[in-house]
PDB file of N, CA and C in Angstrom:
ATOM      1  N   PHE A   1      30.374  40.013  95.192  1.00  0.00           N
ATOM      2  CA  PHE A   1      30.672  41.430  95.225  1.00  0.00           C
ATOM      3  C   PHE A   1      31.899  41.722  96.087  1.00  0.00           C
ATOM      4  N   GLY A   2      32.472  40.684  96.684  1.00  0.00           N
ATOM      5  CA  GLY A   2      33.697  40.838  97.446  1.00  0.00           C
ATOM      6  C   GLY A   2      33.542  41.648  98.718  1.00  0.00           C
ATOM      7  N   GLN A   3      32.365  41.650  99.319  1.00  0.00           N
ATOM      8  CA  GLN A   3      32.121  42.424 100.524  1.00  0.00           C
ATOM      9  C   GLN A   3      32.074  41.519 101.740  1.00  0.00           C
ATOM     10  N   GLU A   4      32.721  41.936 102.812  1.00  0.00           N
ATOM     11  CA  GLU A   4      32.647  41.219 104.079  1.00  0.00           C
ATOM     12  C   GLU A   4      31.401  41.676 104.819  1.00  0.00           C
ATOM     13  N   LEU A   5      30.618  40.726 105.290  1.00  0.00           N
ATOM     14  CA  LEU A   5      29.413  41.063 106.043  1.00  0.00           C
ATOM     15  C   LEU A   5      29.702  40.980 107.529  1.00  0.00           C
ATOM     16  N   PRO A   6      29.053  41.802 108.330  1.00  0.00           N
ATOM     17  CA  PRO A   6      29.279  41.759 109.780  1.00  0.00           C
ATOM     18  C   PRO A   6      28.747  40.460 110.379  1.00  0.00           C
ATOM     19  N   ASP A   7      29.311  40.091 111.530  1.00  0.00           N
ATOM     20  CA  ASP A   7      28.835  38.896 112.234  1.00  0.00           C
ATOM     21  C   ASP A   7      27.470  39.129 112.874  1.00  0.00           C
ATOM     22  N   ALA A   8      27.113  40.362 113.112  1.00  0.00           N
ATOM     23  CA  ALA A   8      25.822  40.696 113.723  1.00  0.00           C
ATOM     24  C   ALA A   8      24.705  40.502 112.704  1.00  0.00           C
ATOM     25  N   PRO A   9      23.475  40.321 113.163  1.00  0.00           N
ATOM     26  CA  PRO A   9      22.341  40.196 112.227  1.00  0.00           C
ATOM     27  C   PRO A   9      22.216  41.447 111.352  1.00  0.00           C
ATOM     28  N   LEU A  10      21.822  41.255 110.123  1.00  0.00           N
ATOM     29  CA  LEU A  10      21.628  42.372 109.208  1.00  0.00           C
ATOM     30  C   LEU A  10      20.356  43.127 109.578  1.00  0.00           C
ATOM     31  N   GLU A  11      20.344  44.417 109.289  1.00  0.00           N
ATOM     32  CA  GLU A  11      19.204  45.253 109.661  1.00  0.00           C
ATOM     33  C   GLU A  11      18.179  45.300 108.541  1.00  0.00           C
ATOM     34  N   TRP A  12      17.041  44.664 108.771  1.00  0.00           N
ATOM     35  CA  TRP A  12      15.931  44.715 107.828  1.00  0.00           C
ATOM     36  C   TRP A  12      15.123  45.967 108.126  1.00  0.00           C
ATOM     37  N   LYS A  13      14.648  46.632 107.098  1.00  0.00           N
ATOM     38  CA  LYS A  13      13.816  47.814 107.263  1.00  0.00           C
ATOM     39  C   LYS A  13      12.370  47.441 106.985  1.00  0.00           C
ATOM     40  N   ALA A  14      11.484  48.024 107.765  1.00  0.00           N
ATOM     41  CA  ALA A  14      10.059  47.757 107.588  1.00  0.00           C
ATOM     42  C   ALA A  14       9.598  48.315 106.247  1.00  0.00           C
ATOM     43  N   GLY A  15       8.733  47.550 105.593  1.00  0.00           N
ATOM     44  CA  GLY A  15       8.155  47.995 104.334  1.00  0.00           C
ATOM     45  C   GLY A  15       6.880  48.768 104.592  1.00  0.00           C
ATOM     46  N   ARG A  16       5.918  48.625 103.691  1.00  0.00           N
ATOM     47  CA  ARG A  16       4.655  49.350 103.821  1.00  0.00           C
ATOM     48  C   ARG A  16       3.809  48.882 104.990  1.00  0.00           C
ATOM     49  N   ASN A  17       4.034  47.651 105.453  1.00  0.00           N
ATOM     50  CA  ASN A  17       3.288  47.127 106.587  1.00  0.00           C
ATOM     51  C   ASN A  17       4.192  46.177 107.368  1.00  0.00           C
ATOM     52  N   LYS A  18       3.682  45.617 108.473  1.00  0.00           N
ATOM     53  CA  LYS A  18       4.527  44.794 109.351  1.00  0.00           C
ATOM     54  C   LYS A  18       4.944  43.469 108.735  1.00  0.00           C
ATOM     55  N   ASP A  19       4.288  43.040 107.663  1.00  0.00           N
ATOM     56  CA  ASP A  19       4.597  41.762 107.025  1.00  0.00           C
ATOM     57  C   ASP A  19       5.440  41.903 105.755  1.00  0.00           C
ATOM     58  N   LEU A  20       6.082  43.043 105.578  1.00  0.00           N
ATOM     59  CA  LEU A  20       6.981  43.257 104.450  1.00  0.00           C
ATOM     60  C   LEU A  20       8.254  43.900 104.981  1.00  0.00           C
ATOM     61  N   ARG A  21       9.386  43.226 104.743  1.00  0.00           N
ATOM     62  CA  ARG A  21      10.682  43.739 105.192  1.00  0.00           C
ATOM     63  C   ARG A  21      11.637  43.799 104.009  1.00  0.00           C
ATOM     64  N   GLU A  22      12.525  44.793 104.022  1.00  0.00           N
ATOM     65  CA  GLU A  22      13.452  44.997 102.918  1.00  0.00           C
ATOM     66  C   GLU A  22      14.879  45.128 103.440  1.00  0.00           C
ATOM     67  N   LEU A  23      15.825  44.708 102.606  1.00  0.00           N
ATOM     68  CA  LEU A  23      17.246  44.769 102.940  1.00  0.00           C
ATOM     69  C   LEU A  23      18.004  45.076 101.658  1.00  0.00           C
ATOM     70  N   THR A  24      19.024  45.917 101.740  1.00  0.00           N
ATOM     71  CA  THR A  24      19.831  46.220 100.561  1.00  0.00           C
ATOM     72  C   THR A  24      21.297  45.977 100.860  1.00  0.00           C
ATOM     73  N   LEU A  25      22.037  45.582  99.831  1.00  0.00           N
ATOM     74  CA  LEU A  25      23.493  45.465  99.905  1.00  0.00           C
ATOM     75  C   LEU A  25      24.061  46.608  99.083  1.00  0.00           C
ATOM     76  N   GLN A  26      24.868  47.429  99.751  1.00  0.00           N
ATOM     77  CA  GLN A  26      25.449  48.576  99.076  1.00  0.00           C
ATOM     78  C   GLN A  26      26.957  48.419  98.969  1.00  0.00           C
ATOM     79  N   VAL A  27      27.501  48.805  97.835  1.00  0.00           N
ATOM     80  CA  VAL A  27      28.943  48.832  97.609  1.00  0.00           C
ATOM     81  C   VAL A  27      29.297  50.252  97.198  1.00  0.00           C
ATOM     82  N   ASP A  28      30.145  50.881  97.973  1.00  0.00           N
ATOM     83  CA  ASP A  28      30.543  52.276  97.715  1.00  0.00           C
ATOM     84  C   ASP A  28      29.336  53.195  97.597  1.00  0.00           C
ATOM     85  N   GLY A  29      28.341  52.983  98.459  1.00  0.00           N
ATOM     86  CA  GLY A  29      27.153  53.825  98.484  1.00  0.00           C
ATOM     87  C   GLY A  29      26.134  53.529  97.406  1.00  0.00           C
ATOM     88  N   GLU A  30      26.409  52.577  96.536  1.00  0.00           N
ATOM     89  CA  GLU A  30      25.474  52.218  95.461  1.00  0.00           C
ATOM     90  C   GLU A  30      24.797  50.895  95.793  1.00  0.00           C
ATOM     91  N   VAL A  31      23.477  50.844  95.676  1.00  0.00           N
ATOM     92  CA  VAL A  31      22.728  49.620  95.939  1.00  0.00           C
ATOM     93  C   VAL A  31      22.996  48.629  94.812  1.00  0.00           C
ATOM     94  N   VAL A  32      23.500  47.424  95.181  1.00  0.00           N
ATOM     95  CA  VAL A  32      23.775  46.408  94.168  1.00  0.00           C
ATOM     96  C   VAL A  32      22.817  45.223  94.266  1.00  0.00           C
ATOM     97  N   LEU A  33      22.245  44.973  95.438  1.00  0.00           N
ATOM     98  CA  LEU A  33      21.251  43.905  95.599  1.00  0.00           C
ATOM     99  C   LEU A  33      20.141  44.375  96.525  1.00  0.00           C
ATOM    100  N   ARG A  34      18.918  43.982  96.195  1.00  0.00           N
ATOM    101  CA  ARG A  34      17.750  44.281  97.031  1.00  0.00           C
ATOM    102  C   ARG A  34      17.056  42.971  97.386  1.00  0.00           C
ATOM    103  N   PHE A  35      16.750  42.817  98.650  1.00  0.00           N
ATOM    104  CA  PHE A  35      16.087  41.619  99.163  1.00  0.00           C
ATOM    105  C   PHE A  35      14.771  42.022  99.815  1.00  0.00           C
ATOM    106  N   ALA A  36      13.815  41.095  99.824  1.00  0.00           N
ATOM    107  CA  ALA A  36      12.543  41.343 100.491  1.00  0.00           C
ATOM    108  C   ALA A  36      12.036  40.055 101.119  1.00  0.00           C
ATOM    109  N   GLN A  37      11.360  40.203 102.241  1.00  0.00           N
ATOM    110  CA  GLN A  37      10.607  39.122 102.869  1.00  0.00           C
ATOM    111  C   GLN A  37       9.167  39.604 102.936  1.00  0.00           C
ATOM    112  N   ALA A  38       8.257  38.839 102.364  1.00  0.00           N
ATOM    113  CA  ALA A  38       6.855  39.235 102.341  1.00  0.00           C
ATOM    114  C   ALA A  38       6.003  38.088 102.847  1.00  0.00           C
ATOM    115  N   TYR A  39       5.103  38.391 103.770  1.00  0.00           N
ATOM    116  CA  TYR A  39       4.221  37.395 104.362  1.00  0.00           C
ATOM    117  C   TYR A  39       2.782  37.803 104.108  1.00  0.00           C
ATOM    118  N   GLY A  40       1.919  36.823 103.922  1.00  0.00           N
ATOM    119  CA  GLY A  40       0.501  37.079 103.718  1.00  0.00           C
ATOM    120  C   GLY A  40       0.163  37.290 102.256  1.00  0.00           C
ATOM    121  N   PHE A  41      -1.051  36.909 101.890  1.00  0.00           N
ATOM    122  CA  PHE A  41      -1.465  36.942 100.488  1.00  0.00           C
ATOM    123  C   PHE A  41      -1.465  38.347  99.892  1.00  0.00           C
ATOM    124  N   ARG A  42      -1.809  39.349 100.673  1.00  0.00           N
ATOM    125  CA  ARG A  42      -1.836  40.717 100.137  1.00  0.00           C
ATOM    126  C   ARG A  42      -0.456  41.115  99.628  1.00  0.00           C
ATOM    127  N   ASN A  43       0.584  40.861 100.422  1.00  0.00           N
ATOM    128  CA  ASN A  43       1.939  41.206 100.003  1.00  0.00           C
ATOM    129  C   ASN A  43       2.405  40.345  98.839  1.00  0.00           C
ATOM    130  N   ILE A  44       2.057  39.059  98.865  1.00  0.00           N
ATOM    131  CA  ILE A  44       2.435  38.170  97.764  1.00  0.00           C
ATOM    132  C   ILE A  44       1.823  38.663  96.464  1.00  0.00           C
ATOM    133  N   GLN A  45       0.537  39.012  96.485  1.00  0.00           N
ATOM    134  CA  GLN A  45      -0.135  39.501  95.283  1.00  0.00           C
ATOM    135  C   GLN A  45       0.530  40.763  94.750  1.00  0.00           C
ATOM    136  N   ASN A  46       0.897  41.678  95.639  1.00  0.00           N
ATOM    137  CA  ASN A  46       1.528  42.926  95.203  1.00  0.00           C
ATOM    138  C   ASN A  46       2.889  42.670  94.561  1.00  0.00           C
ATOM    139  N   ILE A  47       3.690  41.795  95.151  1.00  0.00           N
ATOM    140  CA  ILE A  47       5.012  41.519  94.587  1.00  0.00           C
ATOM    141  C   ILE A  47       4.899  40.765  93.272  1.00  0.00           C
ATOM    142  N   VAL A  48       4.031  39.767  93.209  1.00  0.00           N
ATOM    143  CA  VAL A  48       3.855  39.011  91.958  1.00  0.00           C
ATOM    144  C   VAL A  48       3.369  39.949  90.848  1.00  0.00           C
ATOM    145  N   ARG A  49       2.479  40.853  91.164  1.00  0.00           N
ATOM    146  CA  ARG A  49       1.995  41.816  90.177  1.00  0.00           C
ATOM    147  C   ARG A  49       3.151  42.676  89.656  1.00  0.00           C
ATOM    148  N   ARG A  50       4.027  43.135  90.558  1.00  0.00           N
ATOM    149  CA  ARG A  50       5.166  43.957  90.129  1.00  0.00           C
ATOM    150  C   ARG A  50       6.160  43.144  89.298  1.00  0.00           C
ATOM    151  N   VAL A  51       6.348  41.865  89.642  1.00  0.00           N
ATOM    152  CA  VAL A  51       7.242  41.015  88.847  1.00  0.00           C
ATOM    153  C   VAL A  51       6.685  40.858  87.436  1.00  0.00           C
ATOM    154  N   LYS A  52       5.392  40.585  87.318  1.00  0.00           N
ATOM    155  CA  LYS A  52       4.763  40.423  86.001  1.00  0.00           C
ATOM    156  C   LYS A  52       4.839  41.701  85.178  1.00  0.00           C
ATOM    157  N   ASN A  53       4.729  42.860  85.840  1.00  0.00           N
ATOM    158  CA  ASN A  53       4.776  44.144  85.140  1.00  0.00           C
ATOM    159  C   ASN A  53       6.210  44.592  84.849  1.00  0.00           C
ATOM    160  N   GLY A  54       7.188  43.894  85.419  1.00  0.00           N
ATOM    161  CA  GLY A  54       8.580  44.286  85.224  1.00  0.00           C
ATOM    162  C   GLY A  54       8.996  45.478  86.056  1.00  0.00           C
ATOM    163  N   THR A  55       8.240  45.761  87.128  1.00  0.00           N
ATOM    164  CA  THR A  55       8.549  46.918  87.965  1.00  0.00           C
ATOM    165  C   THR A  55       9.078  46.541  89.345  1.00  0.00           C
ATOM    166  N   CYS A  56       9.360  45.264  89.563  1.00  0.00           N
ATOM    167  CA  CYS A  56       9.852  44.811  90.864  1.00  0.00           C
ATOM    168  C   CYS A  56      11.346  45.097  90.962  1.00  0.00           C
ATOM    169  N   ALA A  57      11.766  45.800  91.995  1.00  0.00           N
ATOM    170  CA  ALA A  57      13.166  46.201  92.153  1.00  0.00           C
ATOM    171  C   ALA A  57      13.994  45.161  92.900  1.00  0.00           C
ATOM    172  N   TYR A  58      13.355  44.111  93.424  1.00  0.00           N
ATOM    173  CA  TYR A  58      14.072  43.137  94.236  1.00  0.00           C
ATOM    174  C   TYR A  58      14.804  42.108  93.380  1.00  0.00           C
ATOM    175  N   HIS A  59      15.963  41.676  93.876  1.00  0.00           N
ATOM    176  CA  HIS A  59      16.723  40.611  93.229  1.00  0.00           C
ATOM    177  C   HIS A  59      16.399  39.253  93.843  1.00  0.00           C
ATOM    178  N   TYR A  60      16.012  39.253  95.121  1.00  0.00           N
ATOM    179  CA  TYR A  60      15.657  38.017  95.821  1.00  0.00           C
ATOM    180  C   TYR A  60      14.463  38.315  96.709  1.00  0.00           C
ATOM    181  N   VAL A  61      13.461  37.448  96.651  1.00  0.00           N
ATOM    182  CA  VAL A  61      12.249  37.630  97.456  1.00  0.00           C
ATOM    183  C   VAL A  61      11.902  36.316  98.130  1.00  0.00           C
ATOM    184  N   GLU A  62      11.620  36.371  99.416  1.00  0.00           N
ATOM    185  CA  GLU A  62      11.115  35.216 100.150  1.00  0.00           C
ATOM    186  C   GLU A  62       9.643  35.485 100.420  1.00  0.00           C
ATOM    187  N   LEU A  63       8.783  34.592  99.944  1.00  0.00           N
ATOM    188  CA  LEU A  63       7.342  34.745 100.113  1.00  0.00           C
ATOM    189  C   LEU A  63       6.799  33.616 100.967  1.00  0.00           C
ATOM    190  N   MET A  64       5.962  33.965 101.924  1.00  0.00           N
ATOM    191  CA  MET A  64       5.274  32.975 102.747  1.00  0.00           C
ATOM    192  C   MET A  64       3.826  33.412 102.911  1.00  0.00           C
ATOM    193  N   ALA A  65       2.914  32.472 102.730  1.00  0.00           N
ATOM    194  CA  ALA A  65       1.488  32.799 102.776  1.00  0.00           C
ATOM    195  C   ALA A  65       1.004  33.120 104.184  1.00  0.00           C
ATOM    196  N   CYS A  66       1.626  32.562 105.197  1.00  0.00           N
ATOM    197  CA  CYS A  66       1.183  32.762 106.573  1.00  0.00           C
ATOM    198  C   CYS A  66       1.446  34.197 107.029  1.00  0.00           C
ATOM    199  N   PRO A  67       0.459  34.871 107.613  1.00  0.00           N
ATOM    200  CA  PRO A  67       0.737  36.195 108.184  1.00  0.00           C
ATOM    201  C   PRO A  67       1.830  36.068 109.241  1.00  0.00           C
ATOM    202  N   ALA A  68       2.758  36.986 109.262  1.00  0.00           N
ATOM    203  CA  ALA A  68       3.904  37.005 110.183  1.00  0.00           C
ATOM    204  C   ALA A  68       4.876  35.856 109.913  1.00  0.00           C
ATOM    205  N   GLY A  69       4.770  35.190 108.784  1.00  0.00           N
ATOM    206  CA  GLY A  69       5.704  34.118 108.427  1.00  0.00           C
ATOM    207  C   GLY A  69       5.243  32.767 108.911  1.00  0.00           C
ATOM    208  N   CYS A  70       5.683  31.737 108.230  1.00  0.00           N
ATOM    209  CA  CYS A  70       5.293  30.375 108.583  1.00  0.00           C
ATOM    210  C   CYS A  70       6.071  29.893 109.800  1.00  0.00           C
ATOM    211  N   ALA A  71       5.444  29.084 110.624  1.00  0.00           N
ATOM    212  CA  ALA A  71       6.038  28.645 111.885  1.00  0.00           C
ATOM    213  C   ALA A  71       7.382  27.939 111.688  1.00  0.00           C
ATOM    214  N   ASN A  72       7.507  27.091 110.696  1.00  0.00           N
ATOM    215  CA  ASN A  72       8.758  26.380 110.460  1.00  0.00           C
ATOM    216  C   ASN A  72       9.591  27.033 109.365  1.00  0.00           C
ATOM    217  N   GLY A  73       9.229  28.205 108.942  1.00  0.00           N
ATOM    218  CA  GLY A  73       9.946  28.863 107.860  1.00  0.00           C
ATOM    219  C   GLY A  73       9.347  28.466 106.525  1.00  0.00           C
ATOM    220  N   GLY A  74       9.759  29.137 105.489  1.00  0.00           N
ATOM    221  CA  GLY A  74       9.192  28.873 104.177  1.00  0.00           C
ATOM    222  C   GLY A  74       9.861  27.711 103.468  1.00  0.00           C
ATOM    223  N   GLY A  75       9.071  26.949 102.751  1.00  0.00           N
ATOM    224  CA  GLY A  75       9.592  25.912 101.869  1.00  0.00           C
ATOM    225  C   GLY A  75      10.477  24.871 102.521  1.00  0.00           C
ATOM    226  N   GLN A  76      10.090  24.387 103.660  1.00  0.00           N
ATOM    227  CA  GLN A  76      10.894  23.379 104.339  1.00  0.00           C
ATOM    228  C   GLN A  76      10.824  22.061 103.580  1.00  0.00           C
ATOM    229  N   PRO A  77      11.968  21.405 103.376  1.00  0.00           N
ATOM    230  CA  PRO A  77      11.927  20.116 102.679  1.00  0.00           C
ATOM    231  C   PRO A  77      11.202  19.068 103.513  1.00  0.00           C
ATOM    232  N   ARG A  78      10.538  18.169 102.838  1.00  0.00           N
ATOM    233  CA  ARG A  78       9.824  17.107 103.550  1.00  0.00           C
ATOM    234  C   ARG A  78      10.819  16.038 103.982  1.00  0.00           C
ATOM    235  N   PRO A  79      10.623  15.489 105.166  1.00  0.00           N
ATOM    236  CA  PRO A  79      11.517  14.412 105.604  1.00  0.00           C
ATOM    237  C   PRO A  79      11.255  13.155 104.787  1.00  0.00           C
ATOM    238  N   PRO A  80      12.227  12.248 104.716  1.00  0.00           N
ATOM    239  CA  PRO A  80      11.987  11.009 103.974  1.00  0.00           C
ATOM    240  C   PRO A  80      10.875  10.207 104.642  1.00  0.00           C
ATOM    241  N   PRO A  81      10.114   9.432 103.867  1.00  0.00           N
ATOM    242  CA  PRO A  81       9.015   8.666 104.461  1.00  0.00           C
ATOM    243  C   PRO A  81       9.554   7.614 105.436  1.00  0.00           C
ATOM    244  N   LEU A  82       8.771   7.397 106.476  1.00  0.00           N
ATOM    245  CA  LEU A  82       9.144   6.367 107.455  1.00  0.00           C
ATOM    246  C   LEU A  82       8.953   4.983 106.843  1.00  0.00           C
ATOM    247  N   GLU A  83       9.720   4.051 107.314  1.00  0.00           N
ATOM    248  CA  GLU A  83       9.545   2.681 106.822  1.00  0.00           C
ATOM    249  C   GLU A  83       8.218   2.127 107.312  1.00  0.00           C
ATOM    250  N   ALA A  84       7.682   1.201 106.574  1.00  0.00           N
ATOM    251  CA  ALA A  84       6.421   0.563 106.971  1.00  0.00           C
ATOM    252  C   ALA A  84       6.646  -0.141 108.306  1.00  0.00           C
ATOM    253  N   PRO A  85       5.643  -0.140 109.211  1.00  0.00           N
ATOM    254  CA  PRO A  85       5.826  -0.737 110.532  1.00  0.00           C
ATOM    255  C   PRO A  85       6.260  -2.214 110.481  1.00  0.00           C
ATOM    256  N   HIS A  86       5.770  -2.962 109.491  1.00  0.00           N
ATOM    257  CA  HIS A  86       6.126  -4.394 109.447  1.00  0.00           C
ATOM    258  C   HIS A  86       7.588  -4.589 109.051  1.00  0.00           C
ATOM    259  N   ARG A  87       8.218  -3.585 108.464  1.00  0.00           N
ATOM    260  CA  ARG A  87       9.607  -3.717 108.063  1.00  0.00           C
ATOM    261  C   ARG A  87      10.551  -3.159 109.131  1.00  0.00           C
ATOM    262  N   ALA A  88      10.027  -2.341 110.008  1.00  0.00           N
ATOM    263  CA  ALA A  88      10.872  -1.762 111.054  1.00  0.00           C
ATOM    264  C   ALA A  88      11.173  -2.805 112.113  1.00  0.00           C
ATOM    265  N   ALA A  89      12.318  -2.726 112.684  1.00  0.00           N
ATOM    266  CA  ALA A  89      12.770  -3.616 113.772  1.00  0.00           C
ATOM    267  C   ALA A  89      12.954  -4.999 113.358  1.00  0.00           C
TER     268      ALA A  89
END
């Protein structure tokens, strides 16, 4: 969209509860992208239901089952497996 973003953190707005946050990108006063972060099964169920119904306004959604978000963040890649002890050293 050719927009420069500030170096400061973006301002997320609280949604219907403390585990739902929303952010919008506006160009010339018009909303062009909508983002959401949703934590906990209740919020996940509501967003998935809206996606299935075609009524979800978000372009990007981050979902995490843990209330208040997962400790290491969502969807962390797994590290490569360690070598077998007999092969190490």
